[in-house]
C-alpha atoms as a PDB file:
ATOM      1  CA  MET A   1      37.669  15.501 -42.784  1.00  0.00           C
ATOM      2  CA  ILE A   2      36.285  12.163 -43.538  1.00  0.00           C
ATOM      3  CA  TYR A   3      35.033  10.249 -40.511  1.00  0.00           C
ATOM      4  CA  SER A   4      34.708   6.028 -40.301  1.00  0.00           C
ATOM      5  CA  ARG A   5      31.622   4.503 -39.910  1.00  0.00           C
ATOM      6  CA  LYS A   6      32.746   2.842 -36.434  1.00  0.00           C
ATOM      7  CA  SER A   7      33.528   6.539 -35.530  1.00  0.00           C
ATOM      8  CA  ILE A   8      30.613   7.578 -36.412  1.00  0.00           C
ATOM      9  CA  LEU A   9      28.602   5.324 -34.264  1.00  0.00           C
ATOM     10  CA  ASN A  10      30.963   5.640 -31.331  1.00  0.00           C
ATOM     11  CA  PHE A  11      29.541   9.068 -31.609  1.00  0.00           C
ATOM     12  CA  LEU A  12      26.137   8.233 -31.778  1.00  0.00           C
ATOM     13  CA  GLN A  13      26.245   5.610 -29.100  1.00  0.00           C
ATOM     14  CA  LYS A  14      27.630   8.272 -26.728  1.00  0.00           C
ATOM     15  CA  LYS A  15      25.551  10.703 -27.231  1.00  0.00           C
ATOM     16  CA  LEU A  16      22.347   8.773 -26.793  1.00  0.00           C
ATOM     17  CA  LYS A  17      23.959   7.284 -23.474  1.00  0.00           C
ATOM     18  CA  ARG A  18      24.279  10.852 -22.409  1.00  0.00           C
ATOM     19  CA  SER A  19      20.681  11.590 -22.896  1.00  0.00           C
ATOM     20  CA  GLN A  20      19.686   9.036 -21.322  1.00  0.00           C
ATOM     21  CA  PRO A  21      18.395   9.865 -17.850  1.00  0.00           C
ATOM     22  CA  SER A  22      19.950   7.755 -15.044  1.00  0.00           C
ATOM     23  CA  ILE A  23      18.029   5.560 -12.658  1.00  0.00           C
ATOM     24  CA  GLU A  24      18.697   8.226  -9.522  1.00  0.00           C
ATOM     25  CA  ASN A  25      17.163  11.348 -12.094  1.00  0.00           C
ATOM     26  CA  TYR A  26      14.307   8.553 -12.285  1.00  0.00           C
ATOM     27  CA  VAL A  27      14.063   7.780  -8.724  1.00  0.00           C
ATOM     28  CA  PHE A  28      14.688  11.586  -7.883  1.00  0.00           C
ATOM     29  CA  ASP A  29      11.927  12.765 -10.282  1.00  0.00           C
ATOM     30  CA  LEU A  30       9.459  10.304  -9.064  1.00  0.00           C
ATOM     31  CA  ASN A  31      10.534  11.667  -5.174  1.00  0.00           C
ATOM     32  CA  THR A  32       9.850  14.555  -6.581  1.00  0.00           C
ATOM     33  CA  LYS A  33       6.415  14.078  -7.656  1.00  0.00           C
ATOM     34  CA  TYR A  34       5.634  12.294  -4.739  1.00  0.00           C
ATOM     35  CA  ASP A  35       6.354  15.543  -2.319  1.00  0.00           C
ATOM     36  CA  LEU A  36       3.947  17.682  -4.581  1.00  0.00           C
ATOM     37  CA  GLN A  37       1.227  15.173  -4.288  1.00  0.00           C
ATOM     38  CA  THR A  38       1.496  14.630  -0.482  1.00  0.00           C
ATOM     39  CA  PHE A  39       2.048  18.525   0.259  1.00  0.00           C
ATOM     40  CA  LYS A  40      -0.831  19.297  -1.755  1.00  0.00           C
ATOM     41  CA  ILE A  41      -3.090  16.420   0.027  1.00  0.00           C
ATOM     42  CA  ILE A  42      -2.038  17.809   3.342  1.00  0.00           C
ATOM     43  CA  ASN A  43      -3.341  21.004   2.540  1.00  0.00           C
ATOM     44  CA  GLU A  44      -6.533  20.042   1.093  1.00  0.00           C
ATOM     45  CA  LEU A  45      -6.991  18.073   4.253  1.00  0.00           C
ATOM     46  CA  LEU A  46      -5.939  20.002   6.794  1.00  0.00           C
ATOM     47  CA  ARG A  47      -8.181  22.374   8.653  1.00  0.00           C
ATOM     48  CA  GLY A  48      -6.391  24.622  10.961  1.00  0.00           C
ATOM     49  CA  ASP A  49      -6.772  23.036  14.483  1.00  0.00           C
ATOM     50  CA  SER A  50      -6.498  18.998  12.856  1.00  0.00           C
ATOM     51  CA  ASN A  51      -3.652  16.412  14.462  1.00  0.00           C
ATOM     52  CA  ALA A  52      -1.308  14.927  12.790  1.00  0.00           C
ATOM     53  CA  ILE A  53       1.998  12.157  13.312  1.00  0.00           C
ATOM     54  CA  ASP A  54       4.698  12.060  11.187  1.00  0.00           C
ATOM     55  CA  ILE A  55       6.735   8.595  11.238  1.00  0.00           C
ATOM     56  CA  GLY A  56      10.240   8.612  10.315  1.00  0.00           C
ATOM     57  CA  ALA A  57      10.233  12.691  10.176  1.00  0.00           C
ATOM     58  CA  HIS A  58      13.967  12.509   9.183  1.00  0.00           C
ATOM     59  CA  LYS A  59      14.235  16.377   8.709  1.00  0.00           C
ATOM     60  CA  GLY A  60      10.821  17.664   8.754  1.00  0.00           C
ATOM     61  CA  GLN A  61      10.308  18.404   5.190  1.00  0.00           C
ATOM     62  CA  ILE A  62       6.736  16.890   5.758  1.00  0.00           C
ATOM     63  CA  LEU A  63       6.484  18.246   9.062  1.00  0.00           C
ATOM     64  CA  LYS A  64       6.995  21.555   8.284  1.00  0.00           C
ATOM     65  CA  LYS A  65       3.870  21.362   5.506  1.00  0.00           C
ATOM     66  CA  ILE A  66       2.008  20.093   8.212  1.00  0.00           C
ATOM     67  CA  ILE A  67       2.653  22.750  10.920  1.00  0.00           C
ATOM     68  CA  GLU A  68       1.849  25.416   8.060  1.00  0.00           C
ATOM     69  CA  ALA A  69      -1.419  24.052   6.779  1.00  0.00           C
ATOM     70  CA  SER A  70      -2.425  23.340  10.902  1.00  0.00           C
ATOM     71  CA  PRO A  71      -0.847  26.016  13.413  1.00  0.00           C
ATOM     72  CA  ASN A  72      -3.068  25.535  15.826  1.00  0.00           C
ATOM     73  CA  GLY A  73      -3.149  21.420  15.558  1.00  0.00           C
ATOM     74  CA  THR A  74      -1.784  18.925  18.261  1.00  0.00           C
ATOM     75  CA  HIS A  75       1.736  17.384  16.273  1.00  0.00           C
ATOM     76  CA  PHE A  76       3.827  14.277  17.076  1.00  0.00           C
ATOM     77  CA  ALA A  77       6.628  13.495  15.122  1.00  0.00           C
ATOM     78  CA  PHE A  78       8.918  10.131  15.654  1.00  0.00           C
ATOM     79  CA  GLU A  79      12.577  10.050  14.284  1.00  0.00           C
ATOM     80  CA  PRO A  80      14.829   6.967  16.253  1.00  0.00           C
ATOM     81  CA  LEU A  81      17.997   8.805  14.362  1.00  0.00           C
ATOM     82  CA  PRO A  82      19.789  10.533  17.759  1.00  0.00           C
ATOM     83  CA  GLU A  83      20.900  13.694  15.552  1.00  0.00           C
ATOM     84  CA  LEU A  84      17.771  13.479  13.659  1.00  0.00           C
ATOM     85  CA  SER A  85      15.270  14.126  16.402  1.00  0.00           C
ATOM     86  CA  GLN A  86      17.379  16.678  18.330  1.00  0.00           C
ATOM     87  CA  ASN A  87      17.727  18.696  15.194  1.00  0.00           C
ATOM     88  CA  LEU A  88      13.380  18.642  14.685  1.00  0.00           C
ATOM     89  CA  HIS A  89      13.342  19.231  18.595  1.00  0.00           C
ATOM     90  CA  LYS A  90      14.788  22.384  18.385  1.00  0.00           C
ATOM     91  CA  GLN A  91      13.095  23.491  15.374  1.00  0.00           C
ATOM     92  CA  TYR A  92      10.055  22.852  16.228  1.00  0.00           C
ATOM     93  CA  LYS A  93       9.581  22.283  20.179  1.00  0.00           C
ATOM     94  CA  ASN A  94       6.778  24.769  20.012  1.00  0.00           C
ATOM     95  CA  SER A  95       4.352  23.487  17.339  1.00  0.00           C
ATOM     96  CA  THR A  96       5.003  19.696  17.724  1.00  0.00           C
ATOM     97  CA  THR A  97       5.741  16.889  20.646  1.00  0.00           C
ATOM     98  CA  VAL A  98       9.156  15.125  18.739  1.00  0.00           C
ATOM     99  CA  PHE A  99       9.873  11.008  20.407  1.00  0.00           C
ATOM    100  CA  PRO A 100      13.324   9.968  19.730  1.00  0.00           C
ATOM    101  CA  PHE A 101      11.478   6.838  19.447  1.00  0.00           C
ATOM    102  CA  ALA A 102      11.349   3.970  16.160  1.00  0.00           C
ATOM    103  CA  LEU A 103       7.474   2.821  16.370  1.00  0.00           C
ATOM    104  CA  SER A 104       6.669  -1.163  15.801  1.00  0.00           C
ATOM    105  CA  ASP A 105       3.808  -3.618  17.489  1.00  0.00           C
ATOM    106  CA  PHE A 106       5.923  -3.860  20.803  1.00  0.00           C
ATOM    107  CA  ASP A 107       7.468  -2.123  23.877  1.00  0.00           C
ATOM    108  CA  GLY A 108      11.544  -1.796  24.421  1.00  0.00           C
ATOM    109  CA  VAL A 109      14.872  -1.546  22.974  1.00  0.00           C
ATOM    110  CA  SER A 110      16.146  -3.136  19.671  1.00  0.00           C
ATOM    111  CA  ASN A 111      18.792  -2.431  17.149  1.00  0.00           C
ATOM    112  CA  PHE A 112      18.567  -0.499  14.709  1.00  0.00           C
ATOM    113  CA  ASN A 113      20.214  -0.229  11.671  1.00  0.00           C
ATOM    114  CA  TYR A 114      21.736   3.140  10.689  1.00  0.00           C
ATOM    115  CA  VAL A 115      22.863   4.182   7.377  1.00  0.00           C
ATOM    116  CA  ILE A 116      25.396   6.417   7.740  1.00  0.00           C
ATOM    117  CA  THR A 117      25.974   7.934   4.012  1.00  0.00           C
ATOM    118  CA  ASN A 118      22.182   7.523   3.514  1.00  0.00           C
ATOM    119  CA  PRO A 119      20.400   8.200   6.547  1.00  0.00           C
ATOM    120  CA  ALA A 120      16.721   7.615   5.007  1.00  0.00           C
ATOM    121  CA  TYR A 121      17.834   4.400   4.530  1.00  0.00           C
ATOM    122  CA  SER A 122      17.683   3.790   7.982  1.00  0.00           C
ATOM    123  CA  GLY A 123      15.211   1.473  10.312  1.00  0.00           C
ATOM    124  CA  LEU A 124      14.354  -1.825  12.169  1.00  0.00           C
ATOM    125  CA  ILE A 125      15.542  -4.124   9.706  1.00  0.00           C
ATOM    126  CA  LYS A 126      18.545  -3.723   7.005  1.00  0.00           C
ATOM    127  CA  ARG A 127      16.682  -2.615   3.809  1.00  0.00           C
ATOM    128  CA  LYS A 128      18.302  -3.587   0.448  1.00  0.00           C
ATOM    129  CA  TYR A 129      20.026  -0.362  -1.213  1.00  0.00           C
ATOM    130  CA  ASP A 130      20.223   0.437  -4.772  1.00  0.00           C
ATOM    131  CA  ARG A 131      23.902   1.480  -4.858  1.00  0.00           C
ATOM    132  CA  PRO A 132      26.900   0.617  -2.277  1.00  0.00           C
ATOM    133  CA  GLU A 133      26.032   2.191   1.616  1.00  0.00           C
ATOM    134  CA  MET A 134      28.068   2.581   4.585  1.00  0.00           C
ATOM    135  CA  ASP A 135      25.717   1.227   7.673  1.00  0.00           C
ATOM    136  CA  THR A 136      26.171   0.690  11.666  1.00  0.00           C
ATOM    137  CA  THR A 137      23.844  -0.259  14.217  1.00  0.00           C
ATOM    138  CA  ILE A 138      23.043   0.990  17.244  1.00  0.00           C
ATOM    139  CA  GLN A 139      20.255   0.494  19.792  1.00  0.00           C
ATOM    140  CA  VAL A 140      17.018   2.819  19.924  1.00  0.00           C
ATOM    141  CA  PRO A 141      13.626   2.599  21.949  1.00  0.00           C
ATOM    142  CA  VAL A 142      10.677   1.344  20.658  1.00  0.00           C
ATOM    143  CA  ARG A 143       7.370   2.283  21.228  1.00  0.00           C
ATOM    144  CA  LYS A 144       3.974   0.920  20.001  1.00  0.00           C
ATOM    145  CA  LEU A 145       2.031   4.252  18.749  1.00  0.00           C
ATOM    146  CA  ASP A 146      -1.304   3.183  20.642  1.00  0.00           C
ATOM    147  CA  ASN A 147       1.055   3.586  23.850  1.00  0.00           C
ATOM    148  CA  VAL A 148       2.230   6.783  23.147  1.00  0.00           C
ATOM    149  CA  ILE A 149      -0.633   8.978  21.832  1.00  0.00           C
ATOM    150  CA  PRO A 150      -2.817  10.570  24.338  1.00  0.00           C
ATOM    151  CA  LYS A 151      -6.323   8.597  23.852  1.00  0.00           C
ATOM    152  CA  ASP A 152      -8.368  11.323  24.142  1.00  0.00           C
ATOM    153  CA  VAL A 153      -6.800  13.254  20.985  1.00  0.00           C
ATOM    154  CA  PRO A 154      -7.899  12.820  17.744  1.00  0.00           C
ATOM    155  CA  ILE A 155      -5.676  11.873  14.952  1.00  0.00           C
ATOM    156  CA  HIS A 156      -6.809  13.064  11.416  1.00  0.00           C
ATOM    157  CA  PHE A 157      -3.636  12.356   8.972  1.00  0.00           C
ATOM    158  CA  ILE A 158      -0.405  10.514   9.692  1.00  0.00           C
ATOM    159  CA  LYS A 159       2.689   9.874   7.722  1.00  0.00           C
ATOM    160  CA  ILE A 160       4.423   6.943   7.664  1.00  0.00           C
ATOM    161  CA  ASP A 161       8.560   6.703   5.982  1.00  0.00           C
ATOM    162  CA  VAL A 162      10.103   3.752   7.866  1.00  0.00           C
ATOM    163  CA  GLU A 163      11.703   1.754   5.200  1.00  0.00           C
ATOM    164  CA  GLY A 164       9.333  -1.431   4.797  1.00  0.00           C
ATOM    165  CA  GLY A 165       8.734  -1.185   8.593  1.00  0.00           C
ATOM    166  CA  GLU A 166       4.899   0.379   8.322  1.00  0.00           C
ATOM    167  CA  TYR A 167       2.956  -3.039   8.931  1.00  0.00           C
ATOM    168  CA  ALA A 168       4.547  -3.423  12.708  1.00  0.00           C
ATOM    169  CA  VAL A 169       3.893   0.150  12.966  1.00  0.00           C
ATOM    170  CA  LEU A 170       0.352   0.062  12.084  1.00  0.00           C
ATOM    171  CA  LYS A 171      -0.108  -2.970  13.479  1.00  0.00           C
ATOM    172  CA  GLY A 172       0.683  -1.064  16.824  1.00  0.00           C
ATOM    173  CA  ALA A 173      -1.471   1.586  16.288  1.00  0.00           C
ATOM    174  CA  SER A 174      -4.779  -0.681  15.664  1.00  0.00           C
ATOM    175  CA  GLU A 175      -6.989   0.806  18.613  1.00  0.00           C
ATOM    176  CA  LEU A 176      -5.357   4.468  17.123  1.00  0.00           C
ATOM    177  CA  LEU A 177      -6.814   3.368  13.508  1.00  0.00           C
ATOM    178  CA  LYS A 178      -9.899   1.894  15.092  1.00  0.00           C
ATOM    179  CA  LYS A 179     -10.807   4.854  16.475  1.00  0.00           C
ATOM    180  CA  TRP A 180      -9.993   8.216  14.305  1.00  0.00           C
ATOM    181  CA  LYS A 181      -9.618   6.072  10.950  1.00  0.00           C
ATOM    182  CA  PRO A 182      -6.946   9.554  10.051  1.00  0.00           C
ATOM    183  CA  VAL A 183      -5.877   9.103   6.422  1.00  0.00           C
ATOM    184  CA  MET A 184      -2.596   8.002   6.089  1.00  0.00           C
ATOM    185  CA  ILE A 185       0.251   8.328   3.332  1.00  0.00           C
ATOM    186  CA  TYR A 186       2.961   5.955   3.514  1.00  0.00           C
ATOM    187  CA  GLU A 187       5.430   4.060   1.377  1.00  0.00           C
ATOM    188  CA  GLN A 188       5.567   1.014   1.115  1.00  0.00           C
ATOM    189  CA  GLY A 189       7.902  -0.559  -1.951  1.00  0.00           C
ATOM    190  CA  LEU A 190      10.570  -3.439  -2.735  1.00  0.00           C
ATOM    191  CA  GLY A 191      13.857  -3.886  -0.742  1.00  0.00           C
ATOM    192  CA  GLY A 192      12.373  -2.779   1.761  1.00  0.00           C
ATOM    193  CA  SER A 193       8.470  -3.595   3.017  1.00  0.00           C
ATOM    194  CA  ASP A 194       9.453  -7.341   1.253  1.00  0.00           C
ATOM    195  CA  ILE A 195      12.642  -7.573   3.576  1.00  0.00           C
ATOM    196  CA  ASN A 196      10.285  -7.376   6.535  1.00  0.00           C
ATOM    197  CA  GLY A 197       8.216 -10.042   4.928  1.00  0.00           C
ATOM    198  CA  THR A 198       5.403  -7.812   4.230  1.00  0.00           C
ATOM    199  CA  GLY A 199       3.315  -9.117   1.163  1.00  0.00           C
ATOM    200  CA  PRO A 200       0.492  -6.327  -0.408  1.00  0.00           C
ATOM    201  CA  GLU A 201      -2.306  -8.580   0.065  1.00  0.00           C
ATOM    202  CA  GLU A 202      -1.594  -9.270   3.773  1.00  0.00           C
ATOM    203  CA  PHE A 203      -1.378  -5.556   4.344  1.00  0.00           C
ATOM    204  CA  TYR A 204      -4.077  -4.678   1.966  1.00  0.00           C
ATOM    205  CA  ASP A 205      -6.551  -6.830   3.909  1.00  0.00           C
ATOM    206  CA  PHE A 206      -5.320  -5.543   7.520  1.00  0.00           C
ATOM    207  CA  LEU A 207      -6.209  -1.539   6.615  1.00  0.00           C
ATOM    208  CA  CYS A 208      -9.580  -3.395   4.654  1.00  0.00           C
ATOM    209  CA  SER A 209     -10.473  -4.896   8.317  1.00  0.00           C
ATOM    210  CA  PHE A 210     -10.214  -0.888   9.829  1.00  0.00           C
ATOM    211  CA  GLY A 211     -12.326   0.543   6.474  1.00  0.00           C
ATOM    212  CA  TYR A 212      -9.948   2.129   4.811  1.00  0.00           C
ATOM    213  CA  HIS A 213      -9.788   2.201   0.553  1.00  0.00           C
ATOM    214  CA  ILE A 214      -6.348   2.224  -0.681  1.00  0.00           C
ATOM    215  CA  SER A 215      -4.850   4.154  -4.060  1.00  0.00           C
ATOM    216  CA  LEU A 216      -2.474   6.130  -5.414  1.00  0.00           C
ATOM    217  CA  MET A 217      -2.191   9.832  -4.411  1.00  0.00           C
ATOM    218  CA  GLU A 218      -2.582  10.527  -7.426  1.00  0.00           C
ATOM    219  CA  TYR A 219      -5.854   8.556  -7.747  1.00  0.00           C
ATOM    220  CA  TYR A 220      -7.194  10.583  -4.590  1.00  0.00           C
ATOM    221  CA  LEU A 221      -6.555  13.741  -5.805  1.00  0.00           C
ATOM    222  CA  LEU A 222      -8.660  13.214  -9.003  1.00  0.00           C
ATOM    223  CA  LYS A 223     -11.143  11.493  -7.434  1.00  0.00           C
ATOM    224  CA  LYS A 224     -10.956   8.334  -8.796  1.00  0.00           C
ATOM    225  CA  GLU A 225     -11.907   5.465  -7.506  1.00  0.00           C
ATOM    226  CA  PRO A 226      -9.601   3.514  -5.334  1.00  0.00           C
ATOM    227  CA  LEU A 227      -7.027   0.289  -6.146  1.00  0.00           C
ATOM    228  CA  SER A 228      -8.282  -3.415  -5.554  1.00  0.00           C
ATOM    229  CA  LYS A 229      -6.307  -5.700  -3.983  1.00  0.00           C
ATOM    230  CA  GLU A 230      -5.265  -7.464  -7.194  1.00  0.00           C
ATOM    231  CA  GLU A 231      -4.424  -3.970  -8.399  1.00  0.00           C
ATOM    232  CA  TYR A 232      -2.265  -2.736  -5.477  1.00  0.00           C
ATOM    233  CA  ALA A 233      -0.324  -6.131  -5.613  1.00  0.00           C
ATOM    234  CA  GLN A 234       0.524  -5.585  -9.178  1.00  0.00           C
ATOM    235  CA  GLN A 235       1.761  -2.156  -7.581  1.00  0.00           C
ATOM    236  CA  PHE A 236       3.974  -2.894  -5.234  1.00  0.00           C
ATOM    237  CA  ARG A 237       5.571  -6.133  -7.444  1.00  0.00           C
ATOM    238  CA  LYS A 238       6.321  -4.627 -10.436  1.00  0.00           C
ATOM    239  CA  GLY A 239       7.278  -1.281  -8.608  1.00  0.00           C
ATOM    240  CA  TYR A 240       5.047   1.211 -10.136  1.00  0.00           C
ATOM    241  CA  ASN A 241       5.023   3.033  -7.502  1.00  0.00           C
ATOM    242  CA  TYR A 242       5.602   2.911  -3.816  1.00  0.00           C
ATOM    243  CA  TYR A 243       3.852   6.025  -2.398  1.00  0.00           C
ATOM    244  CA  PHE A 244       0.078   5.233  -1.481  1.00  0.00           C
ATOM    245  CA  ILE A 245      -2.250   7.012   0.924  1.00  0.00           C
ATOM    246  CA  ALA A 246      -5.195   4.972   2.380  1.00  0.00           C
ATOM    247  CA  TYR A 247      -8.619   6.815   3.411  1.00  0.00           C
END
């Protein structure tokens, strides 16, 4: 059989297209990398009686690792979506205090953007989606972290995943940060944090005011130097990474 030049080119183009990873696979792989790095840091950092906070606990994947690493610690989890919060309470009520609150820099009640088709994208402010999603608005209680966590409980570790609301969360936790300076792993990226009006330089300066260094989890595990403000801003604005560690 003799193939035309056009048919051969079409075949090669289709094969090349199939061989290229999709953006969904890329994001999945990056999230997997972040999860593995987070688990490793939790295992290295937490002792058996360390105390931790999971903000935006979702289905409890990170919370489970925290409890495994620190079974005798005092742990707190925050998840404002009612169904997820109830499930967390049923699953972890013997080891964790679960609060059905969103966290910010005020106390009250607020509209909350619930992304029905992708609950992990839910937040106090509607973030940018990378594909079509179905969402709706619900009302949730909002608290400042400083007004929830007992003042006499030292906090050693915090994980934050709140779709761009991390700056407001930490402004509402200023007393806790000043007193205990916990190590924090947090998400901050384009499509969420920028929609909330948070610039990387302002956020960097805020954390540095408490004596924090900011880095990539990979750098932290390899004991590399932390990021400068310029490097951090570039990571954010270029979208190179969207999970970071403050220590």
